[in-house]
Amino acid sequence: MGEWAVRAVCRTTDPEHLFVEGAAQNRAKTLCTGCPVRTEYLTHALDRRIEHGVWGGMTERERRALLRRRPLVTSWANLLEAARTAHEQSAPPGVPRMRRATG
């Protein structure tokens, strides 16, 4: 993983809490809310087709569905970065911008 991983909200969480099933996945996803490197974690999981666990606020089922809907995406990093940029540019004044991770 990139250097960005050290800034993750979940970095001190027991991995057992992120690799869960059923309703526990929704609880695990709440850790990702507001995480400064959420996009990077999601990109990592999508680009590597990681099949288990909650990554970047998405469960394995949600990631599989996204991959099926967008089979022609070759770089999730490019797509998600473009989406984040578009979102930031459309945010009303005074709304805090997400910091971009490096590394």
PDB file of N, CA and C in Angstrom:
ATOM      1  N   MET A   1       0.839  -1.179   0.000  1.00  0.00           N
ATOM      2  CA  MET A   1       0.000   0.000   0.000  1.00  0.00           C
ATOM      3  C   MET A   1       0.880   1.236   0.000  1.00  0.00           C
ATOM      4  N   GLY A   2       0.274   2.338  -0.351  1.00  0.00           N
ATOM      5  CA  GLY A   2       1.012   3.585  -0.424  1.00  0.00           C
ATOM      6  C   GLY A   2       1.267   4.197   0.938  1.00  0.00           C
ATOM      7  N   GLU A   3       2.061   5.269   0.915  1.00  0.00           N
ATOM      8  CA  GLU A   3       2.364   5.993   2.150  1.00  0.00           C
ATOM      9  C   GLU A   3       1.107   6.580   2.782  1.00  0.00           C
ATOM     10  N   TRP A   4       0.072   6.746   1.981  1.00  0.00           N
ATOM     11  CA  TRP A   4      -1.193   7.301   2.457  1.00  0.00           C
ATOM     12  C   TRP A   4      -1.831   6.432   3.534  1.00  0.00           C
ATOM     13  N   ALA A   5      -1.520   5.166   3.572  1.00  0.00           N
ATOM     14  CA  ALA A   5      -2.171   4.242   4.513  1.00  0.00           C
ATOM     15  C   ALA A   5      -1.945   4.633   5.975  1.00  0.00           C
ATOM     16  N   VAL A   6      -0.849   5.319   6.263  1.00  0.00           N
ATOM     17  CA  VAL A   6      -0.582   5.704   7.649  1.00  0.00           C
ATOM     18  C   VAL A   6      -1.545   6.786   8.139  1.00  0.00           C
ATOM     19  N   ARG A   7      -2.290   7.412   7.214  1.00  0.00           N
ATOM     20  CA  ARG A   7      -3.255   8.445   7.600  1.00  0.00           C
ATOM     21  C   ARG A   7      -4.676   7.907   7.688  1.00  0.00           C
ATOM     22  N   ALA A   8      -4.844   6.620   7.532  1.00  0.00           N
ATOM     23  CA  ALA A   8      -6.177   6.020   7.547  1.00  0.00           C
ATOM     24  C   ALA A   8      -6.777   6.015   8.943  1.00  0.00           C
ATOM     25  N   VAL A   9      -8.063   6.269   9.009  1.00  0.00           N
ATOM     26  CA  VAL A   9      -8.783   6.228  10.282  1.00  0.00           C
ATOM     27  C   VAL A   9      -8.701   4.833  10.889  1.00  0.00           C
ATOM     28  N   CYS A  10      -8.718   3.808  10.043  1.00  0.00           N
ATOM     29  CA  CYS A  10      -8.758   2.421  10.530  1.00  0.00           C
ATOM     30  C   CYS A  10      -7.381   1.840  10.864  1.00  0.00           C
ATOM     31  N   ARG A  11      -6.327   2.620  10.748  1.00  0.00           N
ATOM     32  CA  ARG A  11      -4.978   2.068  10.910  1.00  0.00           C
ATOM     33  C   ARG A  11      -4.746   1.422  12.277  1.00  0.00           C
ATOM     34  N   THR A  12      -5.478   1.849  13.292  1.00  0.00           N
ATOM     35  CA  THR A  12      -5.298   1.268  14.627  1.00  0.00           C
ATOM     36  C   THR A  12      -6.425   0.302  14.987  1.00  0.00           C
ATOM     37  N   THR A  13      -7.299   0.041  14.019  1.00  0.00           N
ATOM     38  CA  THR A  13      -8.425  -0.858  14.248  1.00  0.00           C
ATOM     39  C   THR A  13      -7.984  -2.303  14.032  1.00  0.00           C
ATOM     40  N   ASP A  14      -8.473  -3.170  14.852  1.00  0.00           N
ATOM     41  CA  ASP A  14      -8.213  -4.596  14.677  1.00  0.00           C
ATOM     42  C   ASP A  14      -8.795  -5.029  13.333  1.00  0.00           C
ATOM     43  N   PRO A  15      -7.998  -5.625  12.441  1.00  0.00           N
ATOM     44  CA  PRO A  15      -8.501  -6.059  11.136  1.00  0.00           C
ATOM     45  C   PRO A  15      -9.725  -6.975  11.222  1.00  0.00           C
ATOM     46  N   GLU A  16      -9.875  -7.655  12.340  1.00  0.00           N
ATOM     47  CA  GLU A  16     -11.050  -8.520  12.526  1.00  0.00           C
ATOM     48  C   GLU A  16     -12.349  -7.719  12.414  1.00  0.00           C
ATOM     49  N   HIS A  17     -12.287  -6.410  12.704  1.00  0.00           N
ATOM     50  CA  HIS A  17     -13.477  -5.565  12.631  1.00  0.00           C
ATOM     51  C   HIS A  17     -13.782  -5.114  11.203  1.00  0.00           C
ATOM     52  N   LEU A  18     -12.832  -5.276  10.287  1.00  0.00           N
ATOM     53  CA  LEU A  18     -13.021  -4.853   8.901  1.00  0.00           C
ATOM     54  C   LEU A  18     -13.316  -6.021   7.976  1.00  0.00           C
ATOM     55  N   PHE A  19     -13.034  -7.207   8.406  1.00  0.00           N
ATOM     56  CA  PHE A  19     -13.263  -8.400   7.597  1.00  0.00           C
ATOM     57  C   PHE A  19     -14.366  -9.217   8.263  1.00  0.00           C
ATOM     58  N   VAL A  20     -15.569  -8.665   8.180  1.00  0.00           N
ATOM     59  CA  VAL A  20     -16.742  -9.225   8.846  1.00  0.00           C
ATOM     60  C   VAL A  20     -17.822  -9.515   7.812  1.00  0.00           C
ATOM     61  N   GLU A  21     -18.919 -10.108   8.266  1.00  0.00           N
ATOM     62  CA  GLU A  21     -20.021 -10.452   7.371  1.00  0.00           C
ATOM     63  C   GLU A  21     -21.316  -9.846   7.896  1.00  0.00           C
ATOM     64  N   GLY A  22     -22.296  -9.779   7.023  1.00  0.00           N
ATOM     65  CA  GLY A  22     -23.636  -9.351   7.405  1.00  0.00           C
ATOM     66  C   GLY A  22     -23.706  -7.927   7.900  1.00  0.00           C
ATOM     67  N   ALA A  23     -24.548  -7.709   8.903  1.00  0.00           N
ATOM     68  CA  ALA A  23     -24.789  -6.372   9.448  1.00  0.00           C
ATOM     69  C   ALA A  23     -23.520  -5.739  10.001  1.00  0.00           C
ATOM     70  N   ALA A  24     -22.577  -6.542  10.418  1.00  0.00           N
ATOM     71  CA  ALA A  24     -21.327  -6.002  10.953  1.00  0.00           C
ATOM     72  C   ALA A  24     -20.568  -5.207   9.890  1.00  0.00           C
ATOM     73  N   GLN A  25     -20.812  -5.488   8.617  1.00  0.00           N
ATOM     74  CA  GLN A  25     -20.157  -4.732   7.553  1.00  0.00           C
ATOM     75  C   GLN A  25     -20.599  -3.272   7.570  1.00  0.00           C
ATOM     76  N   ASN A  26     -21.866  -3.028   7.852  1.00  0.00           N
ATOM     77  CA  ASN A  26     -22.342  -1.646   7.914  1.00  0.00           C
ATOM     78  C   ASN A  26     -21.675  -0.888   9.050  1.00  0.00           C
ATOM     79  N   ARG A  27     -21.442  -1.559  10.164  1.00  0.00           N
ATOM     80  CA  ARG A  27     -20.726  -0.921  11.276  1.00  0.00           C
ATOM     81  C   ARG A  27     -19.279  -0.638  10.866  1.00  0.00           C
ATOM     82  N   ALA A  28     -18.672  -1.577  10.173  1.00  0.00           N
ATOM     83  CA  ALA A  28     -17.288  -1.396   9.733  1.00  0.00           C
ATOM     84  C   ALA A  28     -17.181  -0.227   8.749  1.00  0.00           C
ATOM     85  N   LYS A  29     -18.174  -0.072   7.893  1.00  0.00           N
ATOM     86  CA  LYS A  29     -18.155   1.006   6.903  1.00  0.00           C
ATOM     87  C   LYS A  29     -18.179   2.385   7.557  1.00  0.00           C
ATOM     88  N   THR A  30     -18.735   2.483   8.752  1.00  0.00           N
ATOM     89  CA  THR A  30     -18.796   3.791   9.406  1.00  0.00           C
ATOM     90  C   THR A  30     -17.398   4.319   9.743  1.00  0.00           C
ATOM     91  N   LEU A  31     -16.429   3.426   9.902  1.00  0.00           N
ATOM     92  CA  LEU A  31     -15.057   3.861  10.139  1.00  0.00           C
ATOM     93  C   LEU A  31     -14.531   4.691   8.976  1.00  0.00           C
ATOM     94  N   CYS A  32     -15.014   4.412   7.785  1.00  0.00           N
ATOM     95  CA  CYS A  32     -14.518   5.088   6.584  1.00  0.00           C
ATOM     96  C   CYS A  32     -15.077   6.495   6.418  1.00  0.00           C
ATOM     97  N   THR A  33     -16.165   6.792   7.103  1.00  0.00           N
ATOM     98  CA  THR A  33     -16.779   8.108   6.991  1.00  0.00           C
ATOM     99  C   THR A  33     -15.799   9.174   7.453  1.00  0.00           C
ATOM    100  N   GLY A  34     -15.505  10.102   6.585  1.00  0.00           N
ATOM    101  CA  GLY A  34     -14.595  11.185   6.929  1.00  0.00           C
ATOM    102  C   GLY A  34     -13.120  10.826   6.888  1.00  0.00           C
ATOM    103  N   CYS A  35     -12.784   9.620   6.490  1.00  0.00           N
ATOM    104  CA  CYS A  35     -11.374   9.216   6.424  1.00  0.00           C
ATOM    105  C   CYS A  35     -10.683  10.005   5.307  1.00  0.00           C
ATOM    106  N   PRO A  36      -9.525  10.593   5.582  1.00  0.00           N
ATOM    107  CA  PRO A  36      -8.846  11.398   4.564  1.00  0.00           C
ATOM    108  C   PRO A  36      -8.294  10.589   3.394  1.00  0.00           C
ATOM    109  N   VAL A  37      -8.201   9.276   3.553  1.00  0.00           N
ATOM    110  CA  VAL A  37      -7.659   8.447   2.465  1.00  0.00           C
ATOM    111  C   VAL A  37      -8.662   7.380   2.013  1.00  0.00           C
ATOM    112  N   ARG A  38      -9.922   7.671   2.194  1.00  0.00           N
ATOM    113  CA  ARG A  38     -10.980   6.730   1.795  1.00  0.00           C
ATOM    114  C   ARG A  38     -10.883   6.381   0.313  1.00  0.00           C
ATOM    115  N   THR A  39     -10.703   7.379  -0.533  1.00  0.00           N
ATOM    116  CA  THR A  39     -10.626   7.146  -1.974  1.00  0.00           C
ATOM    117  C   THR A  39      -9.431   6.264  -2.324  1.00  0.00           C
ATOM    118  N   GLU A  40      -8.315   6.494  -1.661  1.00  0.00           N
ATOM    119  CA  GLU A  40      -7.122   5.697  -1.944  1.00  0.00           C
ATOM    120  C   GLU A  40      -7.331   4.235  -1.562  1.00  0.00           C
ATOM    121  N   TYR A  41      -8.002   3.999  -0.436  1.00  0.00           N
ATOM    122  CA  TYR A  41      -8.281   2.618  -0.036  1.00  0.00           C
ATOM    123  C   TYR A  41      -9.236   1.937  -1.013  1.00  0.00           C
ATOM    124  N   LEU A  42     -10.252   2.652  -1.438  1.00  0.00           N
ATOM    125  CA  LEU A  42     -11.197   2.087  -2.402  1.00  0.00           C
ATOM    126  C   LEU A  42     -10.499   1.801  -3.722  1.00  0.00           C
ATOM    127  N   THR A  43      -9.677   2.726  -4.180  1.00  0.00           N
ATOM    128  CA  THR A  43      -8.911   2.517  -5.410  1.00  0.00           C
ATOM    129  C   THR A  43      -8.035   1.278  -5.298  1.00  0.00           C
ATOM    130  N   HIS A  44      -7.349   1.149  -4.184  1.00  0.00           N
ATOM    131  CA  HIS A  44      -6.474  -0.006  -3.947  1.00  0.00           C
ATOM    132  C   HIS A  44      -7.263  -1.315  -4.083  1.00  0.00           C
ATOM    133  N   ALA A  45      -8.427  -1.363  -3.449  1.00  0.00           N
ATOM    134  CA  ALA A  45      -9.234  -2.589  -3.477  1.00  0.00           C
ATOM    135  C   ALA A  45      -9.793  -2.871  -4.870  1.00  0.00           C
ATOM    136  N   LEU A  46     -10.253  -1.833  -5.558  1.00  0.00           N
ATOM    137  CA  LEU A  46     -10.832  -2.035  -6.895  1.00  0.00           C
ATOM    138  C   LEU A  46      -9.766  -2.412  -7.918  1.00  0.00           C
ATOM    139  N   ASP A  47      -8.651  -1.714  -7.915  1.00  0.00           N
ATOM    140  CA  ASP A  47      -7.596  -2.006  -8.887  1.00  0.00           C
ATOM    141  C   ASP A  47      -7.006  -3.398  -8.692  1.00  0.00           C
ATOM    142  N   ARG A  48      -7.012  -3.883  -7.468  1.00  0.00           N
ATOM    143  CA  ARG A  48      -6.427  -5.199  -7.178  1.00  0.00           C
ATOM    144  C   ARG A  48      -7.477  -6.302  -7.051  1.00  0.00           C
ATOM    145  N   ARG A  49      -8.736  -5.922  -7.255  1.00  0.00           N
ATOM    146  CA  ARG A  49      -9.862  -6.875  -7.194  1.00  0.00           C
ATOM    147  C   ARG A  49      -9.867  -7.641  -5.871  1.00  0.00           C
ATOM    148  N   ILE A  50      -9.659  -6.905  -4.771  1.00  0.00           N
ATOM    149  CA  ILE A  50      -9.670  -7.518  -3.441  1.00  0.00           C
ATOM    150  C   ILE A  50     -11.093  -7.970  -3.136  1.00  0.00           C
ATOM    151  N   GLU A  51     -11.236  -9.205  -2.753  1.00  0.00           N
ATOM    152  CA  GLU A  51     -12.557  -9.806  -2.621  1.00  0.00           C
ATOM    153  C   GLU A  51     -13.139  -9.794  -1.217  1.00  0.00           C
ATOM    154  N   HIS A  52     -12.350  -9.501  -0.215  1.00  0.00           N
ATOM    155  CA  HIS A  52     -12.863  -9.596   1.155  1.00  0.00           C
ATOM    156  C   HIS A  52     -12.625  -8.306   1.921  1.00  0.00           C
ATOM    157  N   GLY A  53     -13.512  -8.030   2.848  1.00  0.00           N
ATOM    158  CA  GLY A  53     -13.347  -6.899   3.747  1.00  0.00           C
ATOM    159  C   GLY A  53     -13.991  -5.618   3.263  1.00  0.00           C
ATOM    160  N   VAL A  54     -14.036  -4.669   4.163  1.00  0.00           N
ATOM    161  CA  VAL A  54     -14.524  -3.328   3.863  1.00  0.00           C
ATOM    162  C   VAL A  54     -13.302  -2.488   3.510  1.00  0.00           C
ATOM    163  N   TRP A  55     -13.340  -1.888   2.332  1.00  0.00           N
ATOM    164  CA  TRP A  55     -12.245  -1.043   1.847  1.00  0.00           C
ATOM    165  C   TRP A  55     -12.845   0.245   1.307  1.00  0.00           C
ATOM    166  N   GLY A  56     -12.405   1.379   1.795  1.00  0.00           N
ATOM    167  CA  GLY A  56     -12.881   2.656   1.282  1.00  0.00           C
ATOM    168  C   GLY A  56     -14.380   2.849   1.417  1.00  0.00           C
ATOM    169  N   GLY A  57     -14.968   2.238   2.419  1.00  0.00           N
ATOM    170  CA  GLY A  57     -16.398   2.408   2.661  1.00  0.00           C
ATOM    171  C   GLY A  57     -17.295   1.495   1.853  1.00  0.00           C
ATOM    172  N   MET A  58     -16.714   0.524   1.177  1.00  0.00           N
ATOM    173  CA  MET A  58     -17.526  -0.410   0.387  1.00  0.00           C
ATOM    174  C   MET A  58     -17.247  -1.849   0.802  1.00  0.00           C
ATOM    175  N   THR A  59     -18.305  -2.639   0.827  1.00  0.00           N
ATOM    176  CA  THR A  59     -18.169  -4.060   1.110  1.00  0.00           C
ATOM    177  C   THR A  59     -17.743  -4.784  -0.161  1.00  0.00           C
ATOM    178  N   GLU A  60     -17.374  -6.041  -0.006  1.00  0.00           N
ATOM    179  CA  GLU A  60     -16.993  -6.823  -1.185  1.00  0.00           C
ATOM    180  C   GLU A  60     -18.145  -6.926  -2.180  1.00  0.00           C
ATOM    181  N   ARG A  61     -19.355  -7.074  -1.691  1.00  0.00           N
ATOM    182  CA  ARG A  61     -20.529  -7.160  -2.579  1.00  0.00           C
ATOM    183  C   ARG A  61     -20.713  -5.856  -3.358  1.00  0.00           C
ATOM    184  N   GLU A  62     -20.562  -4.735  -2.679  1.00  0.00           N
ATOM    185  CA  GLU A  62     -20.697  -3.434  -3.341  1.00  0.00           C
ATOM    186  C   GLU A  62     -19.601  -3.224  -4.382  1.00  0.00           C
ATOM    187  N   ARG A  63     -18.380  -3.647  -4.052  1.00  0.00           N
ATOM    188  CA  ARG A  63     -17.278  -3.505  -5.019  1.00  0.00           C
ATOM    189  C   ARG A  63     -17.491  -4.405  -6.223  1.00  0.00           C
ATOM    190  N   ARG A  64     -17.943  -5.633  -6.004  1.00  0.00           N
ATOM    191  CA  ARG A  64     -18.217  -6.531  -7.140  1.00  0.00           C
ATOM    192  C   ARG A  64     -19.279  -5.938  -8.056  1.00  0.00           C
ATOM    193  N   ALA A  65     -20.333  -5.380  -7.471  1.00  0.00           N
ATOM    194  CA  ALA A  65     -21.401  -4.766  -8.273  1.00  0.00           C
ATOM    195  C   ALA A  65     -20.853  -3.584  -9.078  1.00  0.00           C
ATOM    196  N   LEU A  66     -20.013  -2.778  -8.460  1.00  0.00           N
ATOM    197  CA  LEU A  66     -19.419  -1.642  -9.159  1.00  0.00           C
ATOM    198  C   LEU A  66     -18.528  -2.114 -10.306  1.00  0.00           C
ATOM    199  N   LEU A  67     -17.743  -3.136 -10.061  1.00  0.00           N
ATOM    200  CA  LEU A  67     -16.877  -3.682 -11.113  1.00  0.00           C
ATOM    201  C   LEU A  67     -17.700  -4.243 -12.273  1.00  0.00           C
ATOM    202  N   ARG A  68     -18.837  -4.850 -11.967  1.00  0.00           N
ATOM    203  CA  ARG A  68     -19.714  -5.373 -13.037  1.00  0.00           C
ATOM    204  C   ARG A  68     -20.334  -4.230 -13.837  1.00  0.00           C
ATOM    205  N   ARG A  69     -20.715  -3.151 -13.147  1.00  0.00           N
ATOM    206  CA  ARG A  69     -21.334  -2.011 -13.834  1.00  0.00           C
ATOM    207  C   ARG A  69     -20.340  -1.248 -14.700  1.00  0.00           C
ATOM    208  N   ARG A  70     -19.066  -1.279 -14.332  1.00  0.00           N
ATOM    209  CA  ARG A  70     -18.046  -0.502 -15.050  1.00  0.00           C
ATOM    210  C   ARG A  70     -16.901  -1.411 -15.503  1.00  0.00           C
ATOM    211  N   PRO A  71     -17.171  -2.413 -16.350  1.00  0.00           N
ATOM    212  CA  PRO A  71     -16.132  -3.377 -16.730  1.00  0.00           C
ATOM    213  C   PRO A  71     -14.996  -2.786 -17.570  1.00  0.00           C
ATOM    214  N   LEU A  72     -15.194  -1.637 -18.163  1.00  0.00           N
ATOM    215  CA  LEU A  72     -14.172  -1.064 -19.039  1.00  0.00           C
ATOM    216  C   LEU A  72     -13.198  -0.132 -18.318  1.00  0.00           C
ATOM    217  N   VAL A  73     -13.417   0.094 -17.039  1.00  0.00           N
ATOM    218  CA  VAL A  73     -12.510   0.966 -16.279  1.00  0.00           C
ATOM    219  C   VAL A  73     -11.170   0.253 -16.124  1.00  0.00           C
ATOM    220  N   THR A  74     -10.118   0.917 -16.583  1.00  0.00           N
ATOM    221  CA  THR A  74      -8.781   0.326 -16.459  1.00  0.00           C
ATOM    222  C   THR A  74      -7.998   0.923 -15.308  1.00  0.00           C
ATOM    223  N   SER A  75      -8.384   2.120 -14.873  1.00  0.00           N
ATOM    224  CA  SER A  75      -7.716   2.746 -13.737  1.00  0.00           C
ATOM    225  C   SER A  75      -8.753   3.393 -12.837  1.00  0.00           C
ATOM    226  N   TRP A  76      -9.024   2.751 -11.728  1.00  0.00           N
ATOM    227  CA  TRP A  76      -9.950   3.326 -10.755  1.00  0.00           C
ATOM    228  C   TRP A  76      -9.331   4.564 -10.125  1.00  0.00           C
ATOM    229  N   ALA A  77      -8.021   4.615 -10.039  1.00  0.00           N
ATOM    230  CA  ALA A  77      -7.359   5.789  -9.471  1.00  0.00           C
ATOM    231  C   ALA A  77      -7.717   7.025 -10.289  1.00  0.00           C
ATOM    232  N   ASN A  78      -7.604   6.934 -11.604  1.00  0.00           N
ATOM    233  CA  ASN A  78      -7.928   8.080 -12.461  1.00  0.00           C
ATOM    234  C   ASN A  78      -9.400   8.447 -12.366  1.00  0.00           C
ATOM    235  N   LEU A  79     -10.265   7.451 -12.409  1.00  0.00           N
ATOM    236  CA  LEU A  79     -11.705   7.708 -12.382  1.00  0.00           C
ATOM    237  C   LEU A  79     -12.136   8.328 -11.054  1.00  0.00           C
ATOM    238  N   LEU A  80     -11.686   7.764  -9.945  1.00  0.00           N
ATOM    239  CA  LEU A  80     -12.087   8.275  -8.641  1.00  0.00           C
ATOM    240  C   LEU A  80     -11.474   9.642  -8.348  1.00  0.00           C
ATOM    241  N   GLU A  81     -10.258   9.872  -8.810  1.00  0.00           N
ATOM    242  CA  GLU A  81      -9.645  11.195  -8.624  1.00  0.00           C
ATOM    243  C   GLU A  81     -10.419  12.245  -9.417  1.00  0.00           C
ATOM    244  N   ALA A  82     -10.821  11.915 -10.636  1.00  0.00           N
ATOM    245  CA  ALA A  82     -11.612  12.846 -11.445  1.00  0.00           C
ATOM    246  C   ALA A  82     -12.958  13.124 -10.779  1.00  0.00           C
ATOM    247  N   ALA A  83     -13.578  12.100 -10.219  1.00  0.00           N
ATOM    248  CA  ALA A  83     -14.864  12.278  -9.537  1.00  0.00           C
ATOM    249  C   ALA A  83     -14.690  13.142  -8.296  1.00  0.00           C
ATOM    250  N   ARG A  84     -13.612  12.926  -7.549  1.00  0.00           N
ATOM    251  CA  ARG A  84     -13.373  13.723  -6.348  1.00  0.00           C
ATOM    252  C   ARG A  84     -13.144  15.186  -6.727  1.00  0.00           C
ATOM    253  N   THR A  85     -12.376  15.427  -7.769  1.00  0.00           N
ATOM    254  CA  THR A  85     -12.116  16.788  -8.229  1.00  0.00           C
ATOM    255  C   THR A  85     -13.414  17.470  -8.650  1.00  0.00           C
ATOM    256  N   ALA A  86     -14.244  16.776  -9.402  1.00  0.00           N
ATOM    257  CA  ALA A  86     -15.523  17.336  -9.841  1.00  0.00           C
ATOM    258  C   ALA A  86     -16.403  17.654  -8.642  1.00  0.00           C
ATOM    259  N   HIS A  87     -16.420  16.760  -7.668  1.00  0.00           N
ATOM    260  CA  HIS A  87     -17.226  16.974  -6.460  1.00  0.00           C
ATOM    261  C   HIS A  87     -16.728  18.202  -5.693  1.00  0.00           C
ATOM    262  N   GLU A  88     -15.420  18.314  -5.549  1.00  0.00           N
ATOM    263  CA  GLU A  88     -14.853  19.441  -4.816  1.00  0.00           C
ATOM    264  C   GLU A  88     -15.154  20.763  -5.516  1.00  0.00           C
ATOM    265  N   GLN A  89     -15.123  20.752  -6.836  1.00  0.00           N
ATOM    266  CA  GLN A  89     -15.385  21.980  -7.583  1.00  0.00           C
ATOM    267  C   GLN A  89     -16.851  22.380  -7.518  1.00  0.00           C
ATOM    268  N   SER A  90     -17.722  21.420  -7.297  1.00  0.00           N
ATOM    269  CA  SER A  90     -19.149  21.727  -7.247  1.00  0.00           C
ATOM    270  C   SER A  90     -19.643  22.023  -5.832  1.00  0.00           C
ATOM    271  N   ALA A  91     -18.791  21.853  -4.836  1.00  0.00           N
ATOM    272  CA  ALA A  91     -19.196  22.086  -3.447  1.00  0.00           C
ATOM    273  C   ALA A  91     -19.431  23.578  -3.221  1.00  0.00           C
ATOM    274  N   PRO A  92     -20.459  23.910  -2.455  1.00  0.00           N
ATOM    275  CA  PRO A  92     -20.726  25.321  -2.170  1.00  0.00           C
ATOM    276  C   PRO A  92     -19.600  25.947  -1.355  1.00  0.00           C
ATOM    277  N   PRO A  93     -19.449  27.273  -1.455  1.00  0.00           N
ATOM    278  CA  PRO A  93     -18.403  27.944  -0.671  1.00  0.00           C
ATOM    279  C   PRO A  93     -18.574  27.658   0.817  1.00  0.00           C
ATOM    280  N   GLY A  94     -17.466  27.519   1.504  1.00  0.00           N
ATOM    281  CA  GLY A  94     -17.499  27.277   2.939  1.00  0.00           C
ATOM    282  C   GLY A  94     -17.493  25.814   3.317  1.00  0.00           C
ATOM    283  N   VAL A  95     -17.710  24.917   2.345  1.00  0.00           N
ATOM    284  CA  VAL A  95     -17.680  23.485   2.635  1.00  0.00           C
ATOM    285  C   VAL A  95     -16.216  23.050   2.582  1.00  0.00           C
ATOM    286  N   PRO A  96     -15.716  22.408   3.640  1.00  0.00           N
ATOM    287  CA  PRO A  96     -14.303  22.007   3.646  1.00  0.00           C
ATOM    288  C   PRO A  96     -14.000  21.021   2.532  1.00  0.00           C
ATOM    289  N   ARG A  97     -12.863  21.191   1.933  1.00  0.00           N
ATOM    290  CA  ARG A  97     -12.388  20.306   0.861  1.00  0.00           C
ATOM    291  C   ARG A  97     -11.619  19.151   1.471  1.00  0.00           C
ATOM    292  N   MET A  98     -11.724  17.981   0.826  1.00  0.00           N
ATOM    293  CA  MET A  98     -10.924  16.837   1.284  1.00  0.00           C
ATOM    294  C   MET A  98      -9.475  17.052   0.877  1.00  0.00           C
ATOM    295  N   ARG A  99      -8.570  16.703   1.760  1.00  0.00           N
ATOM    296  CA  ARG A  99      -7.155  16.783   1.413  1.00  0.00           C
ATOM    297  C   ARG A  99      -6.794  15.589   0.570  1.00  0.00           C
ATOM    298  N   ARG A 100      -5.927  15.802  -0.375  1.00  0.00           N
ATOM    299  CA  ARG A 100      -5.487  14.717  -1.243  1.00  0.00           C
ATOM    300  C   ARG A 100      -4.311  14.012  -0.617  1.00  0.00           C
ATOM    301  N   ALA A 101      -4.323  12.706  -0.720  1.00  0.00           N
ATOM    302  CA  ALA A 101      -3.216  11.913  -0.197  1.00  0.00           C
ATOM    303  C   ALA A 101      -2.111  11.897  -1.233  1.00  0.00           C
ATOM    304  N   THR A 102      -0.914  11.756  -0.775  1.00  0.00           N
ATOM    305  CA  THR A 102       0.218  11.631  -1.673  1.00  0.00           C
ATOM    306  C   THR A 102       0.895  10.317  -1.399  1.00  0.00           C
ATOM    307  N   GLY A 103       1.584   9.831  -2.405  1.00  0.00           N
ATOM    308  CA  GLY A 103       2.341   8.601  -2.191  1.00  0.00           C
ATOM    309  C   GLY A 103       1.786   7.416  -2.858  1.00  0.00           C
TER     310      GLY A 103
END
